[in-house]
Amino acid sequence: MDNQAAGALTEQIEKERKITARKMAQMEEAGLLPGADEIEAAERAATARIEARNAAARDLPLPPQLERLQKEPDLKRQTEISKALWASTNAAYLLRDGKALKSASHDDFRAPTADEIAFMKSHGAFDPRHHRCGKRL
């Protein structure tokens, strides 16, 4: 980040801090801010809820698939790789087909028929001028 961008960012942060401090002072004068006792009570209640939820989650048994993944690091690595590959595949198929995702090799990558090849030849699709190698087909 250059100095100019850093300066602009610092200026924006300082402006926001001043605005926040001014608003907090106005709210304190109006008596709208909770007291320290109220804040501590709310924090204790929230902490108790989180600890209760975590304790209940600790009591649940681990699914057998996850137990196997924990015992076999190679399987865990392969699973992570496959998840990453699925997440990074061509999103156009997902946008095009949605939940009805079909195999791309079925329609998109089929071999052209003889009639289609003849049509492409008649329109110059296999003309050697359009290929880098320049050889005749």
C-alpha atoms as a PDB file:
ATOM      1  CA  MET A   1       0.000   0.000   0.000  1.00  0.00           C
ATOM      2  CA  ASP A   2       1.431   3.374  -0.887  1.00  0.00           C
ATOM      3  CA  ASN A   3       1.628   6.347   1.472  1.00  0.00           C
ATOM      4  CA  GLN A   4      -1.295   8.169  -0.087  1.00  0.00           C
ATOM      5  CA  ALA A   5      -3.643   5.201   0.299  1.00  0.00           C
ATOM      6  CA  ALA A   6      -2.421   4.573   3.848  1.00  0.00           C
ATOM      7  CA  GLY A   7      -2.972   8.241   4.699  1.00  0.00           C
ATOM      8  CA  ALA A   8      -6.511   8.175   3.310  1.00  0.00           C
ATOM      9  CA  LEU A   9      -7.277   5.030   5.269  1.00  0.00           C
ATOM     10  CA  THR A  10      -5.875   6.492   8.491  1.00  0.00           C
ATOM     11  CA  GLU A  11      -7.884   9.668   7.991  1.00  0.00           C
ATOM     12  CA  GLN A  12     -11.095   7.691   7.481  1.00  0.00           C
ATOM     13  CA  ILE A  13     -10.474   5.616  10.614  1.00  0.00           C
ATOM     14  CA  GLU A  14      -9.829   8.726  12.700  1.00  0.00           C
ATOM     15  CA  LYS A  15     -13.026  10.386  11.408  1.00  0.00           C
ATOM     16  CA  GLU A  16     -15.037   7.290  12.308  1.00  0.00           C
ATOM     17  CA  ARG A  17     -13.499   7.196  15.799  1.00  0.00           C
ATOM     18  CA  LYS A  18     -14.431  10.856  16.386  1.00  0.00           C
ATOM     19  CA  ILE A  19     -17.992  10.289  15.174  1.00  0.00           C
ATOM     20  CA  THR A  20     -18.336   7.221  17.407  1.00  0.00           C
ATOM     21  CA  ALA A  21     -16.928   9.033  20.451  1.00  0.00           C
ATOM     22  CA  ARG A  22     -19.304  11.981  19.873  1.00  0.00           C
ATOM     23  CA  LYS A  23     -22.327   9.669  19.507  1.00  0.00           C
ATOM     24  CA  MET A  24     -21.362   7.689  22.624  1.00  0.00           C
ATOM     25  CA  ALA A  25     -21.028  10.929  24.615  1.00  0.00           C
ATOM     26  CA  GLN A  26     -24.486  12.063  23.449  1.00  0.00           C
ATOM     27  CA  MET A  27     -25.994   8.688  24.402  1.00  0.00           C
ATOM     28  CA  GLU A  28     -24.291   8.795  27.813  1.00  0.00           C
ATOM     29  CA  GLU A  29     -25.641  12.293  28.497  1.00  0.00           C
ATOM     30  CA  ALA A  30     -29.133  11.135  27.532  1.00  0.00           C
ATOM     31  CA  GLY A  31     -28.811   8.090  29.816  1.00  0.00           C
ATOM     32  CA  LEU A  32     -29.274   5.592  26.969  1.00  0.00           C
ATOM     33  CA  LEU A  33     -26.111   3.583  27.622  1.00  0.00           C
ATOM     34  CA  PRO A  34     -26.344   0.571  29.939  1.00  0.00           C
ATOM     35  CA  GLY A  35     -24.389   0.678  33.154  1.00  0.00           C
ATOM     36  CA  ALA A  36     -21.339  -1.459  33.918  1.00  0.00           C
ATOM     37  CA  ASP A  37     -23.438  -3.814  36.058  1.00  0.00           C
ATOM     38  CA  GLU A  38     -25.897  -4.404  33.217  1.00  0.00           C
ATOM     39  CA  ILE A  39     -23.075  -5.079  30.758  1.00  0.00           C
ATOM     40  CA  GLU A  40     -21.403  -7.562  33.107  1.00  0.00           C
ATOM     41  CA  ALA A  41     -24.714  -9.366  33.721  1.00  0.00           C
ATOM     42  CA  ALA A  42     -25.349  -9.636  29.970  1.00  0.00           C
ATOM     43  CA  GLU A  43     -21.810 -10.949  29.388  1.00  0.00           C
ATOM     44  CA  ARG A  44     -22.228 -13.564  32.156  1.00  0.00           C
ATOM     45  CA  ALA A  45     -25.568 -14.698  30.698  1.00  0.00           C
ATOM     46  CA  ALA A  46     -24.131 -14.962  27.186  1.00  0.00           C
ATOM     47  CA  THR A  47     -21.098 -16.874  28.454  1.00  0.00           C
ATOM     48  CA  ALA A  48     -23.334 -19.299  30.356  1.00  0.00           C
ATOM     49  CA  ARG A  49     -25.452 -19.929  27.225  1.00  0.00           C
ATOM     50  CA  ILE A  50     -22.345 -20.575  25.103  1.00  0.00           C
ATOM     51  CA  GLU A  51     -20.824 -22.906  27.700  1.00  0.00           C
ATOM     52  CA  ALA A  52     -24.088 -24.857  27.981  1.00  0.00           C
ATOM     53  CA  ARG A  53     -24.266 -25.237  24.204  1.00  0.00           C
ATOM     54  CA  ASN A  54     -20.637 -26.361  24.026  1.00  0.00           C
ATOM     55  CA  ALA A  55     -21.155 -28.864  26.859  1.00  0.00           C
ATOM     56  CA  ALA A  56     -24.144 -30.345  25.022  1.00  0.00           C
ATOM     57  CA  ALA A  57     -22.086 -30.610  21.833  1.00  0.00           C
ATOM     58  CA  ARG A  58     -19.252 -32.372  23.684  1.00  0.00           C
ATOM     59  CA  ASP A  59     -21.697 -35.047  24.859  1.00  0.00           C
ATOM     60  CA  LEU A  60     -22.725 -35.946  21.287  1.00  0.00           C
ATOM     61  CA  PRO A  61     -21.006 -39.007  19.803  1.00  0.00           C
ATOM     62  CA  LEU A  62     -18.709 -38.469  16.836  1.00  0.00           C
ATOM     63  CA  PRO A  63     -20.115 -39.872  13.561  1.00  0.00           C
ATOM     64  CA  PRO A  64     -18.276 -42.997  12.332  1.00  0.00           C
ATOM     65  CA  GLN A  65     -17.107 -41.225   9.150  1.00  0.00           C
ATOM     66  CA  LEU A  66     -15.325 -38.551  11.181  1.00  0.00           C
ATOM     67  CA  GLU A  67     -13.780 -41.131  13.498  1.00  0.00           C
ATOM     68  CA  ARG A  68     -12.331 -42.879  10.455  1.00  0.00           C
ATOM     69  CA  LEU A  69     -11.041 -39.576   9.054  1.00  0.00           C
ATOM     70  CA  GLN A  70      -9.335 -38.784  12.358  1.00  0.00           C
ATOM     71  CA  LYS A  71      -7.610 -42.178  12.403  1.00  0.00           C
ATOM     72  CA  GLU A  72      -6.467 -42.109   8.757  1.00  0.00           C
ATOM     73  CA  PRO A  73      -4.631 -38.891   7.808  1.00  0.00           C
ATOM     74  CA  ASP A  74      -4.269 -39.923   4.137  1.00  0.00           C
ATOM     75  CA  LEU A  75      -8.014 -40.366   3.803  1.00  0.00           C
ATOM     76  CA  LYS A  76      -8.578 -37.011   5.474  1.00  0.00           C
ATOM     77  CA  ARG A  77      -6.143 -35.353   3.047  1.00  0.00           C
ATOM     78  CA  GLN A  78      -7.848 -36.971   0.047  1.00  0.00           C
ATOM     79  CA  THR A  79     -11.240 -35.824   1.300  1.00  0.00           C
ATOM     80  CA  GLU A  80      -9.988 -32.253   1.707  1.00  0.00           C
ATOM     81  CA  ILE A  81      -8.515 -32.324  -1.808  1.00  0.00           C
ATOM     82  CA  SER A  82     -11.747 -33.616  -3.331  1.00  0.00           C
ATOM     83  CA  LYS A  83     -13.762 -30.957  -1.477  1.00  0.00           C
ATOM     84  CA  ALA A  84     -11.410 -28.256  -2.755  1.00  0.00           C
ATOM     85  CA  LEU A  85     -11.589 -29.580  -6.325  1.00  0.00           C
ATOM     86  CA  TRP A  86     -15.383 -29.713  -6.242  1.00  0.00           C
ATOM     87  CA  ALA A  87     -15.568 -26.173  -4.883  1.00  0.00           C
ATOM     88  CA  SER A  88     -13.185 -24.850  -7.540  1.00  0.00           C
ATOM     89  CA  THR A  89     -14.679 -26.568 -10.592  1.00  0.00           C
ATOM     90  CA  ASN A  90     -16.146 -24.644 -13.468  1.00  0.00           C
ATOM     91  CA  ALA A  91     -19.055 -22.744 -11.969  1.00  0.00           C
ATOM     92  CA  ALA A  92     -20.666 -22.309 -15.384  1.00  0.00           C
ATOM     93  CA  TYR A  93     -22.043 -25.845 -15.195  1.00  0.00           C
ATOM     94  CA  LEU A  94     -23.637 -25.100 -11.843  1.00  0.00           C
ATOM     95  CA  LEU A  95     -25.144 -21.857 -13.131  1.00  0.00           C
ATOM     96  CA  ARG A  96     -26.378 -23.472 -16.332  1.00  0.00           C
ATOM     97  CA  ASP A  97     -27.942 -26.625 -14.880  1.00  0.00           C
ATOM     98  CA  GLY A  98     -28.507 -25.759 -11.230  1.00  0.00           C
ATOM     99  CA  LYS A  99     -29.682 -28.720  -9.199  1.00  0.00           C
ATOM    100  CA  ALA A 100     -30.229 -30.732 -12.383  1.00  0.00           C
ATOM    101  CA  LEU A 101     -26.479 -30.882 -13.029  1.00  0.00           C
ATOM    102  CA  LYS A 102     -25.782 -33.380 -15.755  1.00  0.00           C
ATOM    103  CA  SER A 103     -22.581 -34.945 -16.964  1.00  0.00           C
ATOM    104  CA  ALA A 104     -20.635 -32.553 -19.137  1.00  0.00           C
ATOM    105  CA  SER A 105     -19.300 -35.413 -21.240  1.00  0.00           C
ATOM    106  CA  HIS A 106     -22.788 -36.448 -22.332  1.00  0.00           C
ATOM    107  CA  ASP A 107     -23.787 -33.450 -24.445  1.00  0.00           C
ATOM    108  CA  ASP A 108     -20.932 -30.983 -24.378  1.00  0.00           C
ATOM    109  CA  PHE A 109     -18.056 -33.260 -25.361  1.00  0.00           C
ATOM    110  CA  ARG A 110     -19.578 -35.717 -27.798  1.00  0.00           C
ATOM    111  CA  ALA A 111     -17.856 -36.465 -31.101  1.00  0.00           C
ATOM    112  CA  PRO A 112     -19.329 -34.599 -34.079  1.00  0.00           C
ATOM    113  CA  THR A 113     -21.294 -36.610 -36.637  1.00  0.00           C
ATOM    114  CA  ALA A 114     -20.231 -36.988 -40.261  1.00  0.00           C
ATOM    115  CA  ASP A 115     -22.833 -34.424 -41.351  1.00  0.00           C
ATOM    116  CA  GLU A 116     -21.527 -31.898 -38.822  1.00  0.00           C
ATOM    117  CA  ILE A 117     -17.945 -32.452 -40.017  1.00  0.00           C
ATOM    118  CA  ALA A 118     -19.013 -31.959 -43.640  1.00  0.00           C
ATOM    119  CA  PHE A 119     -20.826 -28.743 -42.667  1.00  0.00           C
ATOM    120  CA  MET A 120     -17.728 -27.449 -40.830  1.00  0.00           C
ATOM    121  CA  LYS A 121     -15.493 -28.306 -43.809  1.00  0.00           C
ATOM    122  CA  SER A 122     -17.831 -26.491 -46.182  1.00  0.00           C
ATOM    123  CA  HIS A 123     -17.535 -23.358 -44.033  1.00  0.00           C
ATOM    124  CA  GLY A 124     -13.745 -23.529 -43.838  1.00  0.00           C
ATOM    125  CA  ALA A 125     -13.408 -24.752 -40.253  1.00  0.00           C
ATOM    126  CA  PHE A 126     -10.530 -27.063 -41.175  1.00  0.00           C
ATOM    127  CA  ASP A 127      -8.716 -24.600 -43.427  1.00  0.00           C
ATOM    128  CA  PRO A 128      -4.963 -24.797 -42.667  1.00  0.00           C
ATOM    129  CA  ARG A 129      -4.731 -20.992 -42.597  1.00  0.00           C
ATOM    130  CA  HIS A 130      -6.588 -21.053 -39.278  1.00  0.00           C
ATOM    131  CA  HIS A 131      -4.050 -23.382 -37.609  1.00  0.00           C
ATOM    132  CA  ARG A 132      -0.664 -22.395 -36.234  1.00  0.00           C
ATOM    133  CA  CYS A 133       1.111 -25.395 -37.690  1.00  0.00           C
ATOM    134  CA  GLY A 134      -0.045 -24.491 -41.221  1.00  0.00           C
ATOM    135  CA  LYS A 135      -0.142 -28.126 -42.322  1.00  0.00           C
ATOM    136  CA  ARG A 136      -2.911 -29.577 -44.436  1.00  0.00           C
ATOM    137  CA  LEU A 137      -5.362 -31.908 -42.722  1.00  0.00           C
END
